[in-house]
Amino acid sequence: MKRIWEKYRIWIVITIAFLLIITVFSKNTAIEAMAIRRRIKIMQKEQRYYRERSREDSTFLENLKQDRFLEKYARETFYMKGRGEEIYLLEE
């Protein structure tokens, strides 16, 4: 064993140094890769959320083109009234 160490000592030291440089001091370390994967997962969740939100908003906009829905929405949201009507707000 001692003879192997003496014979390949320089190559063992170079290999260990190379592995340390690659794993610890490089920009593309395993830790950085894990952080990037985590950010990708978060962004994918956000993407799903915004796609669903976009779908809901598109449906809402299509419904607003209908007079009945628009009238109902205006009455419920902005407390609007028609001619000859009165609005009473009841607080619980």
PDB file of N, CA and C in Angstrom:
ATOM      1  N   MET A   1       0.822  -1.188   0.000  1.00  0.00           N
ATOM      2  CA  MET A   1       0.000   0.000   0.000  1.00  0.00           C
ATOM      3  C   MET A   1       0.861   1.244   0.000  1.00  0.00           C
ATOM      4  N   LYS A   2       1.934   1.205   0.776  1.00  0.00           N
ATOM      5  CA  LYS A   2       2.805   2.364   0.842  1.00  0.00           C
ATOM      6  C   LYS A   2       3.456   2.614  -0.511  1.00  0.00           C
ATOM      7  N   ARG A   3       3.775   1.560  -1.180  1.00  0.00           N
ATOM      8  CA  ARG A   3       4.423   1.686  -2.473  1.00  0.00           C
ATOM      9  C   ARG A   3       3.458   2.286  -3.509  1.00  0.00           C
ATOM     10  N   ILE A   4       2.174   1.911  -3.444  1.00  0.00           N
ATOM     11  CA  ILE A   4       1.173   2.481  -4.356  1.00  0.00           C
ATOM     12  C   ILE A   4       1.044   3.977  -4.088  1.00  0.00           C
ATOM     13  N   TRP A   5       1.019   4.348  -2.810  1.00  0.00           N
ATOM     14  CA  TRP A   5       0.898   5.763  -2.443  1.00  0.00           C
ATOM     15  C   TRP A   5       2.069   6.560  -3.003  1.00  0.00           C
ATOM     16  N   GLU A   6       3.246   6.049  -2.862  1.00  0.00           N
ATOM     17  CA  GLU A   6       4.434   6.749  -3.370  1.00  0.00           C
ATOM     18  C   GLU A   6       4.403   6.837  -4.888  1.00  0.00           C
ATOM     19  N   LYS A   7       3.939   5.813  -5.534  1.00  0.00           N
ATOM     20  CA  LYS A   7       3.947   5.778  -6.984  1.00  0.00           C
ATOM     21  C   LYS A   7       2.896   6.718  -7.587  1.00  0.00           C
ATOM     22  N   TYR A   8       1.692   6.762  -6.992  1.00  0.00           N
ATOM     23  CA  TYR A   8       0.595   7.548  -7.557  1.00  0.00           C
ATOM     24  C   TYR A   8       0.225   8.767  -6.713  1.00  0.00           C
ATOM     25  N   ARG A   9       1.091   9.197  -5.832  1.00  0.00           N
ATOM     26  CA  ARG A   9       0.803  10.289  -4.909  1.00  0.00           C
ATOM     27  C   ARG A   9       0.398  11.561  -5.641  1.00  0.00           C
ATOM     28  N   ILE A  10       1.127  11.959  -6.636  1.00  0.00           N
ATOM     29  CA  ILE A  10       0.837  13.203  -7.344  1.00  0.00           C
ATOM     30  C   ILE A  10      -0.515  13.128  -8.038  1.00  0.00           C
ATOM     31  N   TRP A  11      -0.842  11.961  -8.620  1.00  0.00           N
ATOM     32  CA  TRP A  11      -2.131  11.817  -9.311  1.00  0.00           C
ATOM     33  C   TRP A  11      -3.297  11.792  -8.324  1.00  0.00           C
ATOM     34  N   ILE A  12      -3.091  11.212  -7.173  1.00  0.00           N
ATOM     35  CA  ILE A  12      -4.145  11.198  -6.139  1.00  0.00           C
ATOM     36  C   ILE A  12      -4.407  12.615  -5.644  1.00  0.00           C
ATOM     37  N   VAL A  13      -3.353  13.371  -5.405  1.00  0.00           N
ATOM     38  CA  VAL A  13      -3.494  14.758  -4.937  1.00  0.00           C
ATOM     39  C   VAL A  13      -4.172  15.602  -6.016  1.00  0.00           C
ATOM     40  N   ILE A  14      -3.769  15.445  -7.250  1.00  0.00           N
ATOM     41  CA  ILE A  14      -4.381  16.198  -8.342  1.00  0.00           C
ATOM     42  C   ILE A  14      -5.861  15.832  -8.481  1.00  0.00           C
ATOM     43  N   THR A  15      -6.182  14.561  -8.375  1.00  0.00           N
ATOM     44  CA  THR A  15      -7.578  14.123  -8.487  1.00  0.00           C
ATOM     45  C   THR A  15      -8.420  14.694  -7.359  1.00  0.00           C
ATOM     46  N   ILE A  16      -7.916  14.643  -6.141  1.00  0.00           N
ATOM     47  CA  ILE A  16      -8.657  15.200  -4.994  1.00  0.00           C
ATOM     48  C   ILE A  16      -8.839  16.699  -5.166  1.00  0.00           C
ATOM     49  N   ALA A  17      -7.791  17.400  -5.574  1.00  0.00           N
ATOM     50  CA  ALA A  17      -7.897  18.845  -5.796  1.00  0.00           C
ATOM     51  C   ALA A  17      -8.918  19.148  -6.896  1.00  0.00           C
ATOM     52  N   PHE A  18      -8.876  18.386  -7.969  1.00  0.00           N
ATOM     53  CA  PHE A  18      -9.816  18.588  -9.062  1.00  0.00           C
ATOM     54  C   PHE A  18     -11.260  18.378  -8.601  1.00  0.00           C
ATOM     55  N   LEU A  19     -11.506  17.316  -7.843  1.00  0.00           N
ATOM     56  CA  LEU A  19     -12.854  17.056  -7.331  1.00  0.00           C
ATOM     57  C   LEU A  19     -13.320  18.168  -6.399  1.00  0.00           C
ATOM     58  N   LEU A  20     -12.428  18.665  -5.559  1.00  0.00           N
ATOM     59  CA  LEU A  20     -12.790  19.781  -4.675  1.00  0.00           C
ATOM     60  C   LEU A  20     -13.139  21.028  -5.478  1.00  0.00           C
ATOM     61  N   ILE A  21     -12.347  21.319  -6.489  1.00  0.00           N
ATOM     62  CA  ILE A  21     -12.610  22.503  -7.310  1.00  0.00           C
ATOM     63  C   ILE A  21     -13.962  22.376  -8.002  1.00  0.00           C
ATOM     64  N   ILE A  22     -14.234  21.217  -8.537  1.00  0.00           N
ATOM     65  CA  ILE A  22     -15.498  21.022  -9.263  1.00  0.00           C
ATOM     66  C   ILE A  22     -16.698  21.072  -8.317  1.00  0.00           C
ATOM     67  N   THR A  23     -16.613  20.434  -7.160  1.00  0.00           N
ATOM     68  CA  THR A  23     -17.776  20.344  -6.284  1.00  0.00           C
ATOM     69  C   THR A  23     -17.975  21.563  -5.396  1.00  0.00           C
ATOM     70  N   VAL A  24     -16.926  22.236  -4.997  1.00  0.00           N
ATOM     71  CA  VAL A  24     -17.060  23.323  -4.026  1.00  0.00           C
ATOM     72  C   VAL A  24     -16.908  24.697  -4.666  1.00  0.00           C
ATOM     73  N   PHE A  25     -15.923  24.872  -5.482  1.00  0.00           N
ATOM     74  CA  PHE A  25     -15.594  26.208  -5.958  1.00  0.00           C
ATOM     75  C   PHE A  25     -16.175  26.544  -7.326  1.00  0.00           C
ATOM     76  N   SER A  26     -16.787  25.615  -7.974  1.00  0.00           N
ATOM     77  CA  SER A  26     -17.352  25.868  -9.290  1.00  0.00           C
ATOM     78  C   SER A  26     -18.693  26.577  -9.170  1.00  0.00           C
ATOM     79  N   LYS A  27     -19.088  27.299 -10.225  1.00  0.00           N
ATOM     80  CA  LYS A  27     -20.390  27.949 -10.228  1.00  0.00           C
ATOM     81  C   LYS A  27     -21.511  26.922 -10.274  1.00  0.00           C
ATOM     82  N   ASN A  28     -21.280  25.808 -10.887  1.00  0.00           N
ATOM     83  CA  ASN A  28     -22.314  24.804 -11.084  1.00  0.00           C
ATOM     84  C   ASN A  28     -22.212  23.683 -10.052  1.00  0.00           C
ATOM     85  N   THR A  29     -22.298  24.038  -8.803  1.00  0.00           N
ATOM     86  CA  THR A  29     -22.209  23.039  -7.751  1.00  0.00           C
ATOM     87  C   THR A  29     -23.548  22.342  -7.580  1.00  0.00           C
ATOM     88  N   ALA A  30     -23.517  21.269  -6.834  1.00  0.00           N
ATOM     89  CA  ALA A  30     -24.746  20.520  -6.572  1.00  0.00           C
ATOM     90  C   ALA A  30     -25.730  21.362  -5.776  1.00  0.00           C
ATOM     91  N   ILE A  31     -25.225  22.176  -4.887  1.00  0.00           N
ATOM     92  CA  ILE A  31     -26.093  23.047  -4.079  1.00  0.00           C
ATOM     93  C   ILE A  31     -26.813  24.049  -4.981  1.00  0.00           C
ATOM     94  N   GLU A  32     -26.088  24.622  -5.913  1.00  0.00           N
ATOM     95  CA  GLU A  32     -26.685  25.568  -6.855  1.00  0.00           C
ATOM     96  C   GLU A  32     -27.721  24.876  -7.730  1.00  0.00           C
ATOM     97  N   ALA A  33     -27.453  23.659  -8.129  1.00  0.00           N
ATOM     98  CA  ALA A  33     -28.404  22.902  -8.953  1.00  0.00           C
ATOM     99  C   ALA A  33     -29.690  22.632  -8.177  1.00  0.00           C
ATOM    100  N   MET A  34     -29.576  22.312  -6.897  1.00  0.00           N
ATOM    101  CA  MET A  34     -30.765  22.087  -6.076  1.00  0.00           C
ATOM    102  C   MET A  34     -31.570  23.378  -5.931  1.00  0.00           C
ATOM    103  N   ALA A  35     -30.893  24.492  -5.757  1.00  0.00           N
ATOM    104  CA  ALA A  35     -31.587  25.777  -5.644  1.00  0.00           C
ATOM    105  C   ALA A  35     -32.317  26.113  -6.945  1.00  0.00           C
ATOM    106  N   ILE A  36     -31.693  25.828  -8.053  1.00  0.00           N
ATOM    107  CA  ILE A  36     -32.322  26.091  -9.353  1.00  0.00           C
ATOM    108  C   ILE A  36     -33.545  25.200  -9.533  1.00  0.00           C
ATOM    109  N   ARG A  37     -33.443  23.937  -9.165  1.00  0.00           N
ATOM    110  CA  ARG A  37     -34.594  23.034  -9.269  1.00  0.00           C
ATOM    111  C   ARG A  37     -35.750  23.523  -8.407  1.00  0.00           C
ATOM    112  N   ARG A  38     -35.429  24.012  -7.203  1.00  0.00           N
ATOM    113  CA  ARG A  38     -36.453  24.525  -6.307  1.00  0.00           C
ATOM    114  C   ARG A  38     -37.148  25.742  -6.934  1.00  0.00           C
ATOM    115  N   ARG A  39     -36.356  26.644  -7.535  1.00  0.00           N
ATOM    116  CA  ARG A  39     -36.942  27.821  -8.187  1.00  0.00           C
ATOM    117  C   ARG A  39     -37.802  27.422  -9.381  1.00  0.00           C
ATOM    118  N   ILE A  40     -37.382  26.399 -10.107  1.00  0.00           N
ATOM    119  CA  ILE A  40     -38.169  25.925 -11.249  1.00  0.00           C
ATOM    120  C   ILE A  40     -39.521  25.405 -10.774  1.00  0.00           C
ATOM    121  N   LYS A  41     -39.542  24.636  -9.682  1.00  0.00           N
ATOM    122  CA  LYS A  41     -40.804  24.119  -9.158  1.00  0.00           C
ATOM    123  C   LYS A  41     -41.725  25.252  -8.732  1.00  0.00           C
ATOM    124  N   ILE A  42     -41.174  26.257  -8.076  1.00  0.00           N
ATOM    125  CA  ILE A  42     -41.974  27.407  -7.647  1.00  0.00           C
ATOM    126  C   ILE A  42     -42.549  28.124  -8.858  1.00  0.00           C
ATOM    127  N   MET A  43     -41.731  28.324  -9.875  1.00  0.00           N
ATOM    128  CA  MET A  43     -42.200  29.010 -11.076  1.00  0.00           C
ATOM    129  C   MET A  43     -43.249  28.191 -11.819  1.00  0.00           C
ATOM    130  N   GLN A  44     -43.126  26.872 -11.803  1.00  0.00           N
ATOM    131  CA  GLN A  44     -44.132  26.037 -12.447  1.00  0.00           C
ATOM    132  C   GLN A  44     -45.473  26.143 -11.717  1.00  0.00           C
ATOM    133  N   LYS A  45     -45.428  26.218 -10.377  1.00  0.00           N
ATOM    134  CA  LYS A  45     -46.661  26.416  -9.615  1.00  0.00           C
ATOM    135  C   LYS A  45     -47.286  27.762  -9.953  1.00  0.00           C
ATOM    136  N   GLU A  46     -46.458  28.798 -10.034  1.00  0.00           N
ATOM    137  CA  GLU A  46     -46.962  30.122 -10.398  1.00  0.00           C
ATOM    138  C   GLU A  46     -47.562  30.097 -11.803  1.00  0.00           C
ATOM    139  N   GLN A  47     -46.917  29.397 -12.703  1.00  0.00           N
ATOM    140  CA  GLN A  47     -47.419  29.311 -14.074  1.00  0.00           C
ATOM    141  C   GLN A  47     -48.798  28.659 -14.098  1.00  0.00           C
ATOM    142  N   ARG A  48     -48.961  27.553 -13.352  1.00  0.00           N
ATOM    143  CA  ARG A  48     -50.270  26.905 -13.289  1.00  0.00           C
ATOM    144  C   ARG A  48     -51.321  27.848 -12.713  1.00  0.00           C
ATOM    145  N   TYR A  49     -50.946  28.582 -11.653  1.00  0.00           N
ATOM    146  CA  TYR A  49     -51.877  29.532 -11.024  1.00  0.00           C
ATOM    147  C   TYR A  49     -52.311  30.598 -12.025  1.00  0.00           C
ATOM    148  N   TYR A  50     -51.365  31.184 -12.732  1.00  0.00           N
ATOM    149  CA  TYR A  50     -51.700  32.265 -13.654  1.00  0.00           C
ATOM    150  C   TYR A  50     -52.462  31.765 -14.876  1.00  0.00           C
ATOM    151  N   ARG A  51     -52.194  30.554 -15.308  1.00  0.00           N
ATOM    152  CA  ARG A  51     -52.982  29.996 -16.408  1.00  0.00           C
ATOM    153  C   ARG A  51     -54.433  29.796 -15.990  1.00  0.00           C
ATOM    154  N   GLU A  52     -54.640  29.267 -14.792  1.00  0.00           N
ATOM    155  CA  GLU A  52     -55.995  29.083 -14.273  1.00  0.00           C
ATOM    156  C   GLU A  52     -56.681  30.436 -14.095  1.00  0.00           C
ATOM    157  N   ARG A  53     -55.948  31.381 -13.565  1.00  0.00           N
ATOM    158  CA  ARG A  53     -56.499  32.729 -13.382  1.00  0.00           C
ATOM    159  C   ARG A  53     -56.879  33.349 -14.719  1.00  0.00           C
ATOM    160  N   SER A  54     -56.058  33.166 -15.723  1.00  0.00           N
ATOM    161  CA  SER A  54     -56.326  33.683 -17.061  1.00  0.00           C
ATOM    162  C   SER A  54     -57.580  33.033 -17.634  1.00  0.00           C
ATOM    163  N   ARG A  55     -57.727  31.729 -17.417  1.00  0.00           N
ATOM    164  CA  ARG A  55     -58.908  31.014 -17.887  1.00  0.00           C
ATOM    165  C   ARG A  55     -60.173  31.555 -17.219  1.00  0.00           C
ATOM    166  N   GLU A  56     -60.100  31.791 -15.899  1.00  0.00           N
ATOM    167  CA  GLU A  56     -61.253  32.336 -15.173  1.00  0.00           C
ATOM    168  C   GLU A  56     -61.594  33.738 -15.663  1.00  0.00           C
ATOM    169  N   ASP A  57     -60.571  34.559 -15.866  1.00  0.00           N
ATOM    170  CA  ASP A  57     -60.812  35.922 -16.330  1.00  0.00           C
ATOM    171  C   ASP A  57     -61.395  35.940 -17.740  1.00  0.00           C
ATOM    172  N   SER A  58     -60.946  35.036 -18.582  1.00  0.00           N
ATOM    173  CA  SER A  58     -61.494  34.950 -19.935  1.00  0.00           C
ATOM    174  C   SER A  58     -62.969  34.584 -19.893  1.00  0.00           C
ATOM    175  N   THR A  59     -63.308  33.638 -19.030  1.00  0.00           N
ATOM    176  CA  THR A  59     -64.707  33.248 -18.874  1.00  0.00           C
ATOM    177  C   THR A  59     -65.527  34.426 -18.355  1.00  0.00           C
ATOM    178  N   PHE A  60     -64.978  35.140 -17.388  1.00  0.00           N
ATOM    179  CA  PHE A  60     -65.668  36.303 -16.825  1.00  0.00           C
ATOM    180  C   PHE A  60     -65.889  37.372 -17.894  1.00  0.00           C
ATOM    181  N   LEU A  61     -64.879  37.635 -18.709  1.00  0.00           N
ATOM    182  CA  LEU A  61     -65.025  38.629 -19.771  1.00  0.00           C
ATOM    183  C   LEU A  61     -66.070  38.209 -20.802  1.00  0.00           C
ATOM    184  N   GLU A  62     -66.106  36.937 -21.119  1.00  0.00           N
ATOM    185  CA  GLU A  62     -67.132  36.452 -22.046  1.00  0.00           C
ATOM    186  C   GLU A  62     -68.524  36.640 -21.447  1.00  0.00           C
ATOM    187  N   ASN A  63     -68.659  36.389 -20.151  1.00  0.00           N
ATOM    188  CA  ASN A  63     -69.952  36.568 -19.487  1.00  0.00           C
ATOM    189  C   ASN A  63     -70.359  38.038 -19.436  1.00  0.00           C
ATOM    190  N   LEU A  64     -69.385  38.938 -19.310  1.00  0.00           N
ATOM    191  CA  LEU A  64     -69.702  40.366 -19.265  1.00  0.00           C
ATOM    192  C   LEU A  64     -70.293  40.867 -20.578  1.00  0.00           C
ATOM    193  N   LYS A  65     -70.102  40.142 -21.649  1.00  0.00           N
ATOM    194  CA  LYS A  65     -70.665  40.541 -22.940  1.00  0.00           C
ATOM    195  C   LYS A  65     -72.175  40.291 -22.991  1.00  0.00           C
ATOM    196  N   GLN A  66     -72.679  39.499 -22.044  1.00  0.00           N
ATOM    197  CA  GLN A  66     -74.115  39.225 -21.981  1.00  0.00           C
ATOM    198  C   GLN A  66     -74.774  40.275 -21.087  1.00  0.00           C
ATOM    199  N   ASP A  67     -75.851  40.853 -21.554  1.00  0.00           N
ATOM    200  CA  ASP A  67     -76.511  41.936 -20.816  1.00  0.00           C
ATOM    201  C   ASP A  67     -77.015  41.495 -19.456  1.00  0.00           C
ATOM    202  N   ARG A  68     -77.593  40.310 -19.365  1.00  0.00           N
ATOM    203  CA  ARG A  68     -78.128  39.847 -18.080  1.00  0.00           C
ATOM    204  C   ARG A  68     -77.023  39.706 -17.031  1.00  0.00           C
ATOM    205  N   PHE A  69     -75.936  39.101 -17.437  1.00  0.00           N
ATOM    206  CA  PHE A  69     -74.825  38.924 -16.490  1.00  0.00           C
ATOM    207  C   PHE A  69     -74.242  40.274 -16.087  1.00  0.00           C
ATOM    208  N   LEU A  70     -74.089  41.172 -17.056  1.00  0.00           N
ATOM    209  CA  LEU A  70     -73.537  42.494 -16.768  1.00  0.00           C
ATOM    210  C   LEU A  70     -74.422  43.240 -15.780  1.00  0.00           C
ATOM    211  N   GLU A  71     -75.731  43.171 -15.977  1.00  0.00           N
ATOM    212  CA  GLU A  71     -76.663  43.845 -15.072  1.00  0.00           C
ATOM    213  C   GLU A  71     -76.572  43.240 -13.670  1.00  0.00           C
ATOM    214  N   LYS A  72     -76.566  41.919 -13.595  1.00  0.00           N
ATOM    215  CA  LYS A  72     -76.474  41.242 -12.297  1.00  0.00           C
ATOM    216  C   LYS A  72     -75.166  41.601 -11.581  1.00  0.00           C
ATOM    217  N   TYR A  73     -74.079  41.593 -12.333  1.00  0.00           N
ATOM    218  CA  TYR A  73     -72.771  41.917 -11.745  1.00  0.00           C
ATOM    219  C   TYR A  73     -72.754  43.357 -11.237  1.00  0.00           C
ATOM    220  N   ALA A  74     -73.279  44.295 -12.021  1.00  0.00           N
ATOM    221  CA  ALA A  74     -73.296  45.698 -11.614  1.00  0.00           C
ATOM    222  C   ALA A  74     -74.147  45.891 -10.369  1.00  0.00           C
ATOM    223  N   ARG A  75     -75.284  45.214 -10.310  1.00  0.00           N
ATOM    224  CA  ARG A  75     -76.153  45.339  -9.137  1.00  0.00           C
ATOM    225  C   ARG A  75     -75.473  44.788  -7.890  1.00  0.00           C
ATOM    226  N   GLU A  76     -74.856  43.622  -8.005  1.00  0.00           N
ATOM    227  CA  GLU A  76     -74.249  42.987  -6.830  1.00  0.00           C
ATOM    228  C   GLU A  76     -72.977  43.683  -6.385  1.00  0.00           C
ATOM    229  N   THR A  77     -72.177  44.110  -7.330  1.00  0.00           N
ATOM    230  CA  THR A  77     -70.862  44.648  -6.985  1.00  0.00           C
ATOM    231  C   THR A  77     -70.909  46.135  -6.646  1.00  0.00           C
ATOM    232  N   PHE A  78     -71.619  46.899  -7.462  1.00  0.00           N
ATOM    233  CA  PHE A  78     -71.605  48.351  -7.307  1.00  0.00           C
ATOM    234  C   PHE A  78     -72.914  48.901  -6.759  1.00  0.00           C
ATOM    235  N   TYR A  79     -73.797  48.020  -6.338  1.00  0.00           N
ATOM    236  CA  TYR A  79     -75.091  48.399  -5.768  1.00  0.00           C
ATOM    237  C   TYR A  79     -75.851  49.346  -6.705  1.00  0.00           C
ATOM    238  N   MET A  80     -75.820  49.063  -7.989  1.00  0.00           N
ATOM    239  CA  MET A  80     -76.540  49.891  -8.963  1.00  0.00           C
ATOM    240  C   MET A  80     -78.007  49.480  -8.982  1.00  0.00           C
ATOM    241  N   LYS A  81     -78.831  50.386  -9.435  1.00  0.00           N
ATOM    242  CA  LYS A  81     -80.262  50.103  -9.461  1.00  0.00           C
ATOM    243  C   LYS A  81     -80.840  50.522 -10.802  1.00  0.00           C
ATOM    244  N   GLY A  82     -81.974  49.941 -11.096  1.00  0.00           N
ATOM    245  CA  GLY A  82     -82.690  50.316 -12.305  1.00  0.00           C
ATOM    246  C   GLY A  82     -83.619  51.492 -12.018  1.00  0.00           C
ATOM    247  N   ARG A  83     -84.250  52.011 -13.041  1.00  0.00           N
ATOM    248  CA  ARG A  83     -85.177  53.134 -12.848  1.00  0.00           C
ATOM    249  C   ARG A  83     -86.385  52.673 -12.036  1.00  0.00           C
ATOM    250  N   GLY A  84     -86.734  53.505 -11.094  1.00  0.00           N
ATOM    251  CA  GLY A  84     -87.902  53.213 -10.274  1.00  0.00           C
ATOM    252  C   GLY A  84     -87.620  52.191  -9.170  1.00  0.00           C
ATOM    253  N   GLU A  85     -86.382  51.811  -8.986  1.00  0.00           N
ATOM    254  CA  GLU A  85     -86.042  50.843  -7.937  1.00  0.00           C
ATOM    255  C   GLU A  85     -85.309  51.563  -6.809  1.00  0.00           C
ATOM    256  N   GLU A  86     -85.377  50.974  -5.643  1.00  0.00           N
ATOM    257  CA  GLU A  86     -84.625  51.491  -4.511  1.00  0.00           C
ATOM    258  C   GLU A  86     -83.799  50.359  -3.936  1.00  0.00           C
ATOM    259  N   ILE A  87     -82.680  50.712  -3.357  1.00  0.00           N
ATOM    260  CA  ILE A  87     -81.780  49.710  -2.782  1.00  0.00           C
ATOM    261  C   ILE A  87     -81.735  49.904  -1.275  1.00  0.00           C
ATOM    262  N   TYR A  88     -81.872  48.825  -0.562  1.00  0.00           N
ATOM    263  CA  TYR A  88     -81.763  48.847   0.887  1.00  0.00           C
ATOM    264  C   TYR A  88     -80.583  47.949   1.265  1.00  0.00           C
ATOM    265  N   LEU A  89     -79.621  48.513   1.995  1.00  0.00           N
ATOM    266  CA  LEU A  89     -78.470  47.740   2.443  1.00  0.00           C
ATOM    267  C   LEU A  89     -78.718  47.301   3.866  1.00  0.00           C
ATOM    268  N   LEU A  90     -78.646  46.031   4.099  1.00  0.00           N
ATOM    269  CA  LEU A  90     -78.865  45.474   5.427  1.00  0.00           C
ATOM    270  C   LEU A  90     -77.542  45.007   5.982  1.00  0.00           C
ATOM    271  N   GLU A  91     -77.202  45.488   7.136  1.00  0.00           N
ATOM    272  CA  GLU A  91     -75.952  45.074   7.785  1.00  0.00           C
ATOM    273  C   GLU A  91     -76.267  43.995   8.788  1.00  0.00           C
ATOM    274  N   GLU A  92     -75.417  43.017   8.847  1.00  0.00           N
ATOM    275  CA  GLU A  92     -75.629  41.909   9.795  1.00  0.00           C
ATOM    276  C   GLU A  92     -75.002  42.214  11.124  1.00  0.00           C
TER     277      GLU A  92
END
